[in-house]
Protein backbone atom coordinates (compact mmCIF):
# COMPACT_ATOMS: atom_id res chain seq x y z
CA UNK A 1 0.00 0.00 0.00
CA UNK A 2 1.18 3.50 -0.88
CA UNK A 3 -1.37 5.41 1.12
CA UNK A 4 -3.95 5.54 3.84
CA UNK A 5 -7.46 6.82 3.24
CA UNK A 6 -10.37 7.84 5.40
CA UNK A 7 -13.82 8.06 3.84
CA UNK A 8 -16.01 10.21 6.10
CA UNK A 9 -19.69 9.54 5.54
CA UNK A 10 -22.80 10.72 7.31
CA UNK A 11 -26.05 12.46 6.60
CA UNK A 12 -26.28 15.85 4.93
CA UNK A 13 -25.04 18.59 7.24
CA UNK A 14 -23.29 16.16 9.63
CA UNK A 15 -20.02 18.10 9.41
CA UNK A 16 -18.06 15.67 7.25
CA UNK A 17 -16.33 18.33 5.18
CA UNK A 18 -15.43 20.40 8.23
CA UNK A 19 -14.08 17.29 9.98
CA UNK A 20 -12.05 16.40 6.88
CA UNK A 21 -10.46 19.84 6.96
CA UNK A 22 -9.74 19.49 10.69
CA UNK A 23 -8.09 16.09 10.14
CA UNK A 24 -6.06 17.57 7.29
CA UNK A 25 -4.88 20.30 9.65
CA UNK A 26 -3.86 17.79 12.32
CA UNK A 27 -1.72 15.88 9.84
CA UNK A 28 -0.31 18.96 8.14
CA UNK A 29 1.07 20.42 11.39
CA UNK A 30 2.90 17.10 11.84
CA UNK A 31 4.35 17.41 8.32
CA UNK A 32 2.42 14.37 7.11
CA UNK A 33 1.57 14.63 3.38
CA UNK A 34 -2.23 14.72 3.31
CA UNK A 35 -4.85 15.50 0.68
CA UNK A 36 -8.39 16.51 1.65
CA UNK A 37 -11.19 15.98 -0.87
CA UNK A 38 -14.89 16.90 -0.69
CA UNK A 39 -16.88 14.57 -2.95
CA UNK A 40 -19.59 17.21 -3.50
CA UNK A 41 -17.03 19.51 -5.13
CA UNK A 42 -16.08 16.78 -7.62
CA UNK A 43 -19.45 16.60 -9.35
CA UNK A 44 -20.80 20.09 -9.75
CA UNK A 45 -22.08 19.43 -13.24
CA UNK A 46 -25.45 18.83 -14.88
CA UNK A 47 -26.66 15.38 -15.73
CA UNK A 48 -28.29 14.11 -12.54
CA UNK A 49 -27.39 11.49 -9.98
CA UNK A 50 -25.89 8.76 -12.22
CA UNK A 51 -23.58 11.27 -13.90
CA UNK A 52 -22.65 12.81 -10.54
CA UNK A 53 -21.72 9.42 -9.07
CA UNK A 54 -19.47 8.59 -12.01
CA UNK A 55 -17.89 12.06 -11.98
CA UNK A 56 -17.10 11.73 -8.27
CA UNK A 57 -15.43 8.37 -8.83
CA UNK A 58 -13.43 9.44 -11.89
CA UNK A 59 -12.39 12.79 -10.45
CA UNK A 60 -11.38 11.20 -7.15
CA UNK A 61 -9.21 8.67 -9.01
CA UNK A 62 -7.55 11.42 -11.05
CA UNK A 63 -6.96 13.67 -8.07
CA UNK A 64 -5.56 10.84 -5.93
CA UNK A 65 -3.13 9.85 -8.70
CA UNK A 66 -1.89 13.45 -8.84
CA UNK A 67 -1.62 13.78 -5.05
CA UNK A 68 0.20 10.45 -4.85
CA UNK A 69 2.66 11.46 -7.59
CA UNK A 70 3.45 14.62 -5.62
CA UNK A 71 4.07 12.77 -2.36
CA UNK A 72 0.74 12.49 -0.55
CA UNK A 73 0.45 9.38 1.60
CA UNK A 74 -2.79 10.24 3.39
CA UNK A 75 -6.14 11.25 1.95
CA UNK A 76 -9.33 12.27 3.72
CA UNK A 77 -12.46 12.08 1.56
CA UNK A 78 -15.83 13.39 2.75
CA UNK A 79 -19.29 12.88 1.33
CA UNK A 80 -22.66 11.24 1.74
CA UNK A 81 -22.08 7.54 1.00
CA UNK A 82 -25.13 5.31 1.37
CA UNK A 83 -24.21 1.97 -0.22
CA UNK A 84 -21.49 -0.65 -0.07
CA UNK A 85 -21.17 -0.29 -3.86
CA UNK A 86 -20.21 3.37 -3.41
CA UNK A 87 -17.60 2.41 -0.80
CA UNK A 88 -16.18 -0.15 -3.24
CA UNK A 89 -16.09 2.38 -6.10
CA UNK A 90 -14.29 4.98 -4.00
CA UNK A 91 -11.91 2.36 -2.65
CA UNK A 92 -11.04 1.36 -6.22
CA UNK A 93 -10.49 5.04 -7.12
CA UNK A 94 -8.00 5.37 -4.25
CA UNK A 95 -5.47 3.01 -5.81
CA UNK A 96 -2.91 1.68 -3.37
CA UNK A 97 -4.73 2.95 -0.28
CA UNK A 98 -5.74 1.18 2.86
CA UNK A 99 -9.31 2.54 3.17
CA UNK A 100 -11.20 3.01 6.42
CA UNK A 101 -14.79 4.22 6.40
CA UNK A 102 -15.88 6.49 9.25
CA UNK A 103 -19.54 7.15 9.91
CA UNK A 104 -19.97 10.67 11.29
CA UNK A 105 -22.92 10.72 13.66
CA UNK A 106 -24.45 14.10 14.43
CA UNK A 107 -27.78 14.44 16.23
CA UNK A 108 -30.41 15.84 13.81
CA UNK A 109 -31.26 18.74 16.14
CA UNK A 110 -27.59 19.77 16.15
CA UNK A 111 -27.43 19.53 12.34
CA UNK A 112 -30.46 21.81 12.16
CA UNK A 113 -28.87 24.32 14.54
CA UNK A 114 -25.49 24.28 12.79
CA UNK A 115 -26.91 24.64 9.28
CA UNK A 116 -29.63 27.22 9.97
CA UNK A 117 -29.23 30.02 7.47
CA UNK A 118 -26.34 28.35 5.64
CA UNK A 119 -26.04 28.79 1.92
CA UNK A 120 -24.63 25.62 0.37
CA UNK A 121 -24.25 24.21 -3.10
CA UNK A 122 -26.92 23.82 -5.72
CA UNK A 123 -29.69 21.46 -4.69
CA UNK A 124 -28.81 21.37 -0.99
CA UNK A 125 -31.84 21.73 1.23
CA UNK A 126 -31.51 21.44 5.02
CA UNK A 127 -34.97 19.85 5.07
CA UNK A 128 -33.37 16.77 3.44
CA UNK A 129 -30.90 16.27 6.30
CA UNK A 130 -33.10 14.03 8.52
CA UNK A 131 -33.88 11.60 5.68
CA UNK A 132 -30.22 11.56 4.61
CA UNK A 133 -29.14 10.90 8.20
CA UNK A 134 -31.58 7.97 8.39
CA UNK A 135 -30.42 6.43 5.10
CA UNK A 136 -26.79 6.54 6.21
CA UNK A 137 -27.70 5.14 9.64
CA UNK A 138 -29.64 2.25 8.10
CA UNK A 139 -26.83 1.46 5.66
CA UNK A 140 -24.59 0.91 8.73
CA UNK A 141 -21.45 1.48 6.68
CA UNK A 142 -18.20 2.15 8.42
CA UNK A 143 -15.25 0.59 10.15
CA UNK A 144 -16.17 2.79 13.10
CA UNK A 145 -18.48 5.66 14.01
CA UNK A 146 -17.61 8.96 15.66
CA UNK A 147 -19.98 11.44 17.25
CA UNK A 148 -19.66 14.98 15.94
CA UNK A 149 -21.44 16.69 18.81
CA UNK A 150 -18.33 18.46 20.17
CA UNK A 151 -15.50 20.59 18.83
CA UNK A 152 -14.12 19.69 15.42
CA UNK A 153 -10.66 19.29 16.92
CA UNK A 154 -11.88 16.75 19.49
CA UNK A 155 -13.80 14.71 16.91
CA UNK A 156 -10.89 14.88 14.43
CA UNK A 157 -8.43 13.67 17.07
CA UNK A 158 -10.71 10.74 17.91
CA UNK A 159 -10.97 9.77 14.25
CA UNK A 160 -7.21 9.76 13.61
CA UNK A 161 -6.64 7.88 16.88
CA UNK A 162 -9.22 5.20 16.02
CA UNK A 163 -7.77 4.95 12.51
CA UNK A 164 -4.32 4.42 14.01
CA UNK A 165 -2.88 7.36 12.09
CA UNK A 166 -1.40 9.22 15.07
CA UNK A 167 -0.02 7.74 18.24
CA UNK A 168 0.19 10.81 20.50
């Protein structure tokens, strides 16, 4: 294996992207070569869900190859992932990586509070968050789950500790 990957999944508004950035920061201050990728940013294109899924997979594969060529050994990927097939597709895109899937659990009331008044990407509606949360919960994907009901730094530290990425 050439790399280590975390795939952060959870319902809409769970804080996956923010946690990915926090994890990236933890590794960067330790001079560990890390890439941070938001799956939503990889498919901002027309064409609907099937096209978006394929764009995410292809763009993730391309980006990881570039990051790897330039020395990255860690990658943190965040996005709503609801099926084992999606996990497999992203794992295949992250060639040479040991992939761990982390389910980010955020109480729906906290998601509502944190996202109130937020302006997000096209098609994002905070009213969809409870249903998204439930789909991810029922899919029960993940090597482990982490609660995101505290500071980003605390949750990020727990994730990297459970993943075995940092030993301090």
